[in-house]
Every structure is written in C-alpha cells, then in structure tokens.
Amino acid sequence: MQTVHEEAGLNYHLCRWCGTASFRRLLCPVCASSDLKPEHSDGLGVVVRSGVVHRYTEAARNESLVRLPEGFVFRCRVVGAAPHRVSVGAQVRPVAVDGPDAGDVVFELCEPPACDEWF
C-alpha cells in the first residue's frame, strides 16, 4: 500500500439548520435535515480511541476514532507506526490511499512515536 499526502484536508458537511458538522452523512445526525452545505477542514485531528484489530486479515491493523476541530468524530485507520503504538492524544493528518482501500479514510501520525529499545 502506498500513501501520498492529499492536498490537505477533508470535505465534510455543515447543517444549515442547526450548525452540526458531520462526515459522510446524507442527513444531519442532530435534526435530520437534508440541507447540508459542503465545507473543507484542514484535516488535522486527534486520536480519541485506538485499538488493534486482527479480523479478516493475517496482519494486525489499527482502528481509531479521530476527532476533528470542527466537532465530528469518525472511525478510521491510522498508519505510520505499528498498530499498537498509536496512542490516545496523538495528532494525525489525512493521507490518500491507492489500491483496494482507495475509498477508506486513512490518517497518519504527524509525529511518529519514539522507538523503544526493549519491548
């Protein structure tokens, strides 16, 4: 899998009725309005939950919940470090993915974790 930096950011929707930000939704999650306007985020987020997943593959991968400053949280994969090294509070940025995972939202760590001498 090859990752390439996006032009920076993510596109999301902002509800014109209640002002709630949402990502990949057809309706506002708060008021159920369909009057959503597109907005652009710089894409820098913070990991609020992180876990290692082994299902459907032989290799372990990371699944995290990332919060963006615009107020929405979503599930994604974080790359750039071993899956167990992604910690809560780490800053992440979006990357574009080529190949079979092209539609997935993938983030990478802004600052890789320090390497430990022992495990």
Protein backbone atom coordinates (compact mmCIF):
# COMPACT_ATOMS: atom_id res chain seq x y z
CA MET A 1 0.00 0.00 0.00
CA GLN A 2 1.38 3.36 -0.97
CA THR A 3 0.30 6.56 0.73
CA VAL A 4 0.51 10.04 -0.70
CA HIS A 5 -0.27 13.32 1.06
CA GLU A 6 -3.55 14.81 -0.02
CA GLU A 7 -3.81 18.44 -0.91
CA ALA A 8 -4.52 18.82 2.82
CA GLY A 9 -7.84 18.36 4.42
CA LEU A 10 -11.19 16.63 4.34
CA ASN A 11 -14.53 17.62 2.94
CA TYR A 12 -17.45 17.44 5.37
CA HIS A 13 -20.98 18.83 5.68
CA LEU A 14 -22.39 21.55 7.90
CA CYS A 15 -26.12 21.59 8.64
CA ARG A 16 -27.72 24.90 7.62
CA TRP A 17 -30.47 24.46 10.25
CA CYS A 18 -28.59 23.61 13.44
CA GLY A 19 -24.92 24.09 12.52
CA THR A 20 -23.83 20.50 13.27
CA ALA A 21 -20.77 19.23 11.38
CA SER A 22 -20.91 15.69 10.00
CA PHE A 23 -18.80 13.44 7.80
CA ARG A 24 -20.21 11.15 5.11
CA ARG A 25 -23.86 11.60 6.10
CA LEU A 26 -26.93 12.26 3.99
CA LEU A 27 -28.89 13.76 6.89
CA CYS A 28 -27.85 15.84 9.88
CA PRO A 29 -27.32 13.48 12.85
CA VAL A 30 -28.96 16.01 15.23
CA CYS A 31 -32.00 17.47 13.45
CA ALA A 32 -32.31 15.09 10.44
CA SER A 33 -32.24 17.98 7.96
CA SER A 34 -31.02 17.27 4.45
CA ASP A 35 -29.98 20.91 3.95
CA LEU A 36 -26.24 20.35 4.27
CA LYS A 37 -23.57 22.61 2.83
CA PRO A 38 -20.10 21.34 1.94
CA GLU A 39 -17.17 22.65 3.97
CA HIS A 40 -13.44 21.95 3.98
CA SER A 41 -11.33 21.07 7.01
CA ASP A 42 -7.55 21.21 7.23
CA GLY A 43 -7.85 17.59 8.34
CA LEU A 44 -5.64 17.70 11.42
CA GLY A 45 -7.23 15.59 14.13
CA VAL A 46 -6.62 13.91 17.47
CA VAL A 47 -6.96 10.22 18.27
CA VAL A 48 -9.61 9.74 20.99
CA ARG A 49 -9.69 5.93 20.93
CA SER A 50 -7.33 3.38 19.43
CA GLY A 51 -7.37 -0.39 19.07
CA VAL A 52 -5.60 -3.20 17.26
CA VAL A 53 -7.76 -5.38 15.01
CA HIS A 54 -6.92 -8.82 13.59
CA ARG A 55 -10.19 -9.76 11.90
CA TYR A 56 -10.33 -10.81 8.25
CA THR A 57 -6.55 -10.48 7.78
CA GLU A 58 -3.40 -12.19 8.96
CA ALA A 59 -1.74 -8.87 9.75
CA ALA A 60 -2.80 -6.64 12.60
CA ARG A 61 -4.06 -3.15 11.77
CA ASN A 62 -5.08 -0.10 13.73
CA GLU A 63 -8.65 1.19 14.01
CA SER A 64 -9.10 4.52 15.76
CA LEU A 65 -11.68 7.17 16.46
CA VAL A 66 -10.41 10.59 15.40
CA ARG A 67 -11.91 13.93 16.48
CA LEU A 68 -11.53 16.93 14.19
CA PRO A 69 -11.70 20.53 15.48
CA GLU A 70 -14.94 21.06 13.53
CA GLY A 71 -16.66 18.78 16.05
CA PHE A 72 -17.16 15.42 14.38
CA VAL A 73 -15.64 12.06 15.29
CA PHE A 74 -15.27 9.12 12.94
CA ARG A 75 -13.67 5.71 12.67
CA CYS A 76 -10.58 5.34 10.51
CA ARG A 77 -7.26 3.58 10.17
CA VAL A 78 -4.04 5.20 11.37
CA VAL A 79 -0.77 4.33 9.60
CA GLY A 80 2.81 5.44 10.11
CA ALA A 81 3.55 3.33 13.18
CA ALA A 82 2.96 -0.20 14.45
CA PRO A 83 -0.77 -0.65 15.23
CA HIS A 84 -0.17 -0.94 18.99
CA ARG A 85 1.93 2.26 19.02
CA VAL A 86 -0.94 4.63 18.10
CA SER A 87 -1.94 6.30 21.35
CA VAL A 88 -4.84 8.44 22.51
CA GLY A 89 -4.00 12.13 22.11
CA ALA A 90 -1.73 11.62 19.08
CA GLN A 91 -2.15 14.19 16.31
CA VAL A 92 -2.95 12.79 12.86
CA ARG A 93 -3.37 14.09 9.31
CA PRO A 94 -5.16 12.54 6.29
CA VAL A 95 -3.39 10.65 3.53
CA ALA A 96 -4.67 9.42 0.18
CA VAL A 97 -4.53 5.66 -0.38
CA ASP A 98 -4.14 3.88 -3.72
CA GLY A 99 -5.31 0.36 -4.36
CA PRO A 100 -8.17 -1.69 -2.90
CA ASP A 101 -8.55 0.64 0.11
CA ALA A 102 -8.94 3.76 -2.06
CA GLY A 103 -12.32 4.76 -0.58
CA ASP A 104 -11.24 4.42 3.05
CA VAL A 105 -10.33 7.35 5.27
CA VAL A 106 -6.75 6.82 6.38
CA PHE A 107 -4.71 9.06 8.64
CA GLU A 108 -1.03 9.06 9.52
CA LEU A 109 0.69 10.19 12.68
CA CYS A 110 2.02 13.76 12.49
CA GLU A 111 4.89 12.76 14.76
CA PRO A 112 5.91 9.09 14.86
CA PRO A 113 6.28 7.61 18.36
CA ALA A 114 9.76 7.37 19.87
CA CYS A 115 11.36 3.98 19.29
CA ASP A 116 11.80 1.84 22.41
CA GLU A 117 14.99 -0.15 22.91
CA TRP A 118 13.08 -3.06 24.52
CA PHE A 119 9.58 -4.44 24.30
